[in-house]
Amino acid sequence: MAVAVALTATVGVQSALAQEVKSFEQVRAMAVEDKTPITESVIIEGVVISDCESPNMDINHNVSTAKTDITHSMRTAYIQTPDGKFGFRLKFNAPEDNGMQRYSTVRIDLKGAIIVKEYNPERYTIRNLTAENVLSLQNGDASKVVRKEKTIKDLTDEDVYTFVTLKDLEFIFKDGSYTNIWEPYCIKSELHNVPNPYGVTSRMDSWASLLRDTDNKAIYMYINTLCQWRRNGKTVPKGMVELSGIIVSSSNRRYGGNMGKFQI
């Protein structure tokens, strides 16, 4: 019986792989207000621009004053079209469902998933995904991700959930680390060696560093406190730099909610 089930599953995957791949535009048009799951196989293919091993994929939300749900980042992935025009945020139901490694080409069956459309900026999240939705995952390298250079003022709604290089930026606060934060509030991690000089309360995770460019436009860079590089003994770069990352649009109530239209 186990062999028969395995063969049936394999045939099902092969059948799905043979189906027509829908464009990102077609899938975006499938978003519905009542957030009902997709009832039939819909195949989409994209380039993974996130990293399942990174703790910096999404804001981790507080579930109480002194507890943060760190699974939000672990369950989040991002894919974009090969030309970098459109992107999707993917939300898996559990961290173990997310095996998306950066630069991979992934093919996903959206059956059972929910496509959520949000506004100002217009952006799309595909929710309710499990490992079973992932039909294939082919490793790649950095050449798979098209280089898309922009300035802050040139960002549009279509850039959300795509990989962008922002030009001619500088950190407004140039002294200190990437997260100038009261460390006892952070999530417990390898940065807090035991014994340490203070207790760690896990009150908050994400930090927002503010950058501006030569047009005097500003954007926040989100950094989760579980990132090991955020406080590695080196200060942030001084002077103008390029900054590459995923453009997002997420409010953060720790900063009053309004973080501008775009963040990176």
Protein backbone atom coordinates (compact mmCIF):
# COMPACT_ATOMS: atom_id res chain seq x y z
CA MET A 1 0.00 0.00 0.00
CA ALA A 2 2.82 2.44 0.85
CA VAL A 3 4.37 1.83 -2.58
CA ALA A 4 1.05 2.49 -4.29
CA VAL A 5 0.60 5.75 -2.38
CA ALA A 6 4.15 6.85 -3.27
CA LEU A 7 3.58 6.08 -6.94
CA THR A 8 0.29 7.96 -6.92
CA ALA A 9 1.97 11.00 -5.36
CA THR A 10 4.78 10.89 -7.93
CA VAL A 11 2.31 10.70 -10.79
CA GLY A 12 0.43 13.65 -9.28
CA VAL A 13 3.59 15.78 -9.13
CA GLN A 14 4.56 14.85 -12.69
CA SER A 15 1.06 15.76 -13.87
CA ALA A 16 1.27 19.15 -12.14
CA LEU A 17 4.73 19.82 -13.58
CA ALA A 18 3.36 19.22 -17.06
CA GLN A 19 0.64 21.87 -16.66
CA GLU A 20 0.88 25.35 -18.13
CA VAL A 21 2.78 27.82 -15.95
CA LYS A 22 0.73 30.91 -15.15
CA SER A 23 2.33 34.35 -15.32
CA PHE A 24 2.64 36.53 -12.23
CA GLU A 25 0.10 38.91 -13.78
CA GLN A 26 -2.42 36.09 -14.15
CA VAL A 27 -1.94 34.98 -10.56
CA ARG A 28 -2.20 38.56 -9.24
CA ALA A 29 -5.57 38.82 -10.99
CA MET A 30 -6.78 35.78 -9.01
CA ALA A 31 -6.70 37.62 -5.68
CA VAL A 32 -10.19 37.71 -4.15
CA GLU A 33 -11.65 39.83 -1.36
CA ASP A 34 -13.08 36.90 0.61
CA LYS A 35 -9.65 35.19 0.69
CA THR A 36 -10.98 31.80 -0.39
CA PRO A 37 -8.40 29.09 -1.18
CA ILE A 38 -7.66 28.08 -4.75
CA THR A 39 -9.49 24.83 -5.47
CA GLU A 40 -7.57 23.62 -8.53
CA SER A 41 -3.94 23.32 -9.58
CA VAL A 42 -2.40 26.64 -10.62
CA ILE A 43 1.31 26.46 -11.42
CA ILE A 44 3.67 29.40 -10.98
CA GLU A 45 7.43 29.59 -11.43
CA GLY A 46 9.84 32.20 -10.09
CA VAL A 47 13.32 33.01 -8.85
CA VAL A 48 13.85 32.86 -5.08
CA ILE A 49 15.31 36.12 -3.75
CA SER A 50 15.01 35.26 -0.04
CA ASP A 51 16.97 32.84 2.12
CA CYS A 52 15.30 30.27 4.36
CA GLU A 53 18.38 30.29 6.62
CA SER A 54 18.24 34.05 7.21
CA PRO A 55 16.46 35.42 10.31
CA ASN A 56 15.72 38.69 8.48
CA MET A 57 12.90 37.80 6.06
CA ASP A 58 9.98 39.51 7.80
CA ILE A 59 9.07 41.44 10.93
CA ASN A 60 8.54 39.15 13.92
CA HIS A 61 5.51 40.29 15.91
CA ASN A 62 5.05 40.47 19.66
CA VAL A 63 2.45 38.12 21.05
CA SER A 64 2.78 39.68 24.51
CA THR A 65 4.86 42.36 26.21
CA ALA A 66 7.82 40.04 26.67
CA LYS A 67 7.35 37.39 23.97
CA THR A 68 7.98 37.56 20.23
CA ASP A 69 6.84 35.05 17.62
CA ILE A 70 10.04 34.51 15.59
CA THR A 71 8.33 32.10 13.17
CA HIS A 72 7.06 34.99 11.00
CA SER A 73 10.52 35.43 9.46
CA MET A 74 11.17 31.69 9.25
CA ARG A 75 7.88 31.10 7.39
CA THR A 76 8.42 33.88 4.83
CA ALA A 77 9.96 33.67 1.36
CA TYR A 78 10.00 35.90 -1.72
CA ILE A 79 10.01 35.05 -5.41
CA GLN A 80 10.18 37.28 -8.48
CA THR A 81 9.93 37.04 -12.23
CA PRO A 82 13.22 36.43 -14.10
CA ASP A 83 13.18 40.06 -15.29
CA GLY A 84 12.55 41.34 -11.75
CA LYS A 85 9.35 43.16 -12.71
CA PHE A 86 6.94 41.51 -10.25
CA GLY A 87 7.33 39.70 -6.96
CA PHE A 88 5.30 37.70 -4.46
CA ARG A 89 5.68 37.22 -0.73
CA LEU A 90 5.12 33.58 0.25
CA LYS A 91 3.82 32.64 3.68
CA PHE A 92 4.25 29.01 4.68
CA ASN A 93 2.20 27.49 7.47
CA ALA A 94 5.24 26.29 9.41
CA PRO A 95 8.99 27.03 9.37
CA GLU A 96 9.80 23.48 8.31
CA ASP A 97 7.69 23.95 5.16
CA ASN A 98 10.00 26.71 3.95
CA GLY A 99 13.05 25.29 2.17
CA MET A 100 13.52 28.23 -0.21
CA GLN A 101 17.21 28.87 -0.78
CA ARG A 102 18.30 32.09 -2.47
CA TYR A 103 18.86 32.03 -6.25
CA SER A 104 16.85 28.83 -6.72
CA THR A 105 14.21 28.51 -9.41
CA VAL A 106 11.01 27.22 -7.85
CA ARG A 107 7.80 25.83 -9.31
CA ILE A 108 4.77 25.92 -7.01
CA ASP A 109 1.26 24.49 -7.24
CA LEU A 110 -1.07 27.05 -5.65
CA LYS A 111 -3.89 24.60 -5.00
CA GLY A 112 -5.15 25.27 -1.46
CA ALA A 113 -3.28 28.58 -1.23
CA ILE A 114 -4.82 32.01 -0.65
CA ILE A 115 -3.78 35.06 -2.68
CA VAL A 116 -4.06 38.24 -0.64
CA LYS A 117 -3.99 41.69 -2.26
CA GLU A 118 -3.02 44.73 -0.19
CA TYR A 119 -3.08 48.37 -1.13
CA ASN A 120 -0.94 51.53 -0.90
CA PRO A 121 1.32 50.15 -2.15
CA GLU A 122 -0.36 47.42 -4.17
CA ARG A 123 1.28 44.11 -3.23
CA TYR A 124 0.46 40.40 -3.15
CA THR A 125 1.06 37.65 -0.62
CA ILE A 126 0.42 33.96 -1.25
CA ARG A 127 -0.59 32.35 2.06
CA ASN A 128 -1.49 28.90 3.37
CA LEU A 129 1.45 27.18 1.67
CA THR A 130 3.02 23.90 2.77
CA ALA A 131 6.01 21.93 1.55
CA GLU A 132 3.63 19.87 -0.60
CA ASN A 133 2.89 22.94 -2.72
CA VAL A 134 6.53 23.08 -3.84
CA LEU A 135 6.80 20.92 -6.96
CA SER A 136 10.46 21.56 -7.78
CA LEU A 137 13.37 23.63 -6.49
CA GLN A 138 16.43 23.96 -8.72
CA ASN A 139 19.60 25.50 -7.28
CA GLY A 140 21.08 28.56 -8.95
CA ASP A 141 23.56 31.36 -8.32
CA ALA A 142 23.56 35.15 -8.13
CA SER A 143 23.36 35.43 -11.92
CA LYS A 144 19.73 34.26 -11.64
CA VAL A 145 18.75 37.56 -9.99
CA VAL A 146 18.61 40.46 -12.43
CA ARG A 147 20.32 43.65 -11.22
CA LYS A 148 17.65 46.32 -10.83
CA GLU A 149 19.08 49.69 -9.83
CA LYS A 150 16.86 52.50 -8.58
CA THR A 151 16.81 55.56 -6.36
CA ILE A 152 14.28 55.89 -3.55
CA LYS A 153 12.12 58.35 -5.52
CA ASP A 154 11.95 55.92 -8.44
CA LEU A 155 10.42 53.06 -6.43
CA THR A 156 6.94 52.00 -7.54
CA ASP A 157 4.34 49.52 -6.32
CA GLU A 158 5.67 46.94 -8.79
CA ASP A 159 9.02 46.93 -6.94
CA VAL A 160 7.49 45.55 -3.74
CA TYR A 161 8.73 42.01 -3.03
CA THR A 162 11.48 42.27 -5.66
CA PHE A 163 15.26 42.54 -5.24
CA VAL A 164 16.47 46.10 -5.78
CA THR A 165 19.81 47.91 -5.48
CA LEU A 166 19.33 51.42 -4.11
CA LYS A 167 22.04 53.87 -5.15
CA ASP A 168 23.84 56.69 -3.34
CA LEU A 169 22.60 56.04 0.20
CA GLU A 170 24.09 56.94 3.56
CA PHE A 171 23.18 55.95 7.10
CA ILE A 172 21.81 58.99 8.90
CA PHE A 173 23.17 57.74 12.23
CA LYS A 174 26.73 56.74 11.45
CA ASP A 175 27.98 55.87 14.93
CA GLY A 176 27.40 52.50 16.52
CA SER A 177 26.15 49.23 15.09
CA TYR A 178 23.38 48.39 12.62
CA THR A 179 21.02 48.10 15.61
CA ASN A 180 21.60 50.76 18.24
CA ILE A 181 19.22 49.07 20.61
CA TRP A 182 19.02 48.44 24.34
CA GLU A 183 20.30 44.88 24.18
CA PRO A 184 18.35 43.46 27.15
CA TYR A 185 15.18 43.92 25.07
CA CYS A 186 16.44 41.66 22.25
CA ILE A 187 15.68 38.06 21.41
CA LYS A 188 18.10 35.67 23.10
CA SER A 189 20.75 34.54 20.61
CA GLU A 190 24.44 33.75 20.19
CA LEU A 191 25.18 37.46 20.52
CA HIS A 192 24.28 37.17 24.20
CA ASN A 193 26.86 34.78 25.57
CA VAL A 194 26.27 32.98 28.83
CA PRO A 195 27.11 34.19 31.36
CA ASN A 196 26.15 37.63 30.14
CA PRO A 197 26.08 40.92 32.01
CA TYR A 198 22.33 41.28 31.73
CA GLY A 199 19.18 39.28 31.29
CA VAL A 200 17.53 39.08 27.88
CA THR A 201 13.79 39.78 27.99
CA SER A 202 12.80 39.03 24.35
CA ARG A 203 10.63 42.15 24.32
CA MET A 204 11.30 43.04 20.69
CA ASP A 205 12.99 41.88 17.52
CA SER A 206 13.07 44.20 14.52
CA TRP A 207 15.01 47.44 14.40
CA ALA A 208 14.77 50.10 11.70
CA SER A 209 17.86 51.96 10.50
CA LEU A 210 17.15 55.16 8.57
CA LEU A 211 19.01 55.98 5.35
CA ARG A 212 18.83 58.93 2.97
CA ASP A 213 20.12 59.54 -0.54
CA THR A 214 21.45 62.42 -2.62
CA ASP A 215 17.87 63.49 -3.43
CA ASN A 216 17.27 63.83 0.34
CA LYS A 217 14.76 60.97 0.21
CA ALA A 218 14.72 58.50 3.11
CA ILE A 219 13.95 54.83 3.61
CA TYR A 220 14.06 52.46 6.57
CA MET A 221 16.15 49.29 6.53
CA TYR A 222 14.62 46.53 8.67
CA ILE A 223 17.03 44.44 10.72
CA ASN A 224 15.94 41.65 13.05
CA THR A 225 17.97 41.26 16.23
CA LEU A 226 18.63 37.57 15.54
CA CYS A 227 20.97 38.64 12.70
CA GLN A 228 24.53 37.90 13.80
CA TRP A 229 26.00 40.63 11.59
CA ARG A 230 24.00 43.45 13.13
CA ARG A 231 26.54 43.92 15.93
CA ASN A 232 29.85 42.42 14.84
CA GLY A 233 32.23 45.02 16.27
CA LYS A 234 32.19 47.21 13.16
CA THR A 235 30.30 50.46 12.75
CA VAL A 236 27.92 51.08 9.87
CA PRO A 237 29.51 52.36 6.62
CA LYS A 238 30.22 56.07 6.50
CA GLY A 239 29.61 57.93 3.27
CA MET A 240 27.58 56.96 0.23
CA VAL A 241 26.94 53.26 -0.38
CA GLU A 242 24.80 50.92 -2.45
CA LEU A 243 22.23 48.88 -0.59
CA SER A 244 20.70 45.75 -2.13
CA GLY A 245 17.73 43.94 -0.68
CA ILE A 246 14.06 43.08 -0.93
CA ILE A 247 11.65 46.02 -1.07
CA VAL A 248 8.77 45.53 1.37
CA SER A 249 5.93 47.54 2.87
CA SER A 250 5.31 46.68 6.51
CA SER A 251 4.07 48.82 9.36
CA ASN A 252 5.85 48.52 12.68
CA ARG A 253 3.95 49.52 15.78
CA ARG A 254 7.20 49.83 17.75
CA TYR A 255 7.85 52.93 15.64
CA GLY A 256 4.29 54.25 15.67
CA GLY A 257 3.11 52.15 12.73
CA ASN A 258 3.86 54.45 9.79
CA MET A 259 7.26 53.58 8.30
CA GLY A 260 6.70 55.21 4.92
CA LYS A 261 5.41 53.54 1.78
CA PHE A 262 8.49 51.36 1.19
CA GLN A 263 11.21 49.76 3.29
CA ILE A 264 14.11 47.47 2.42
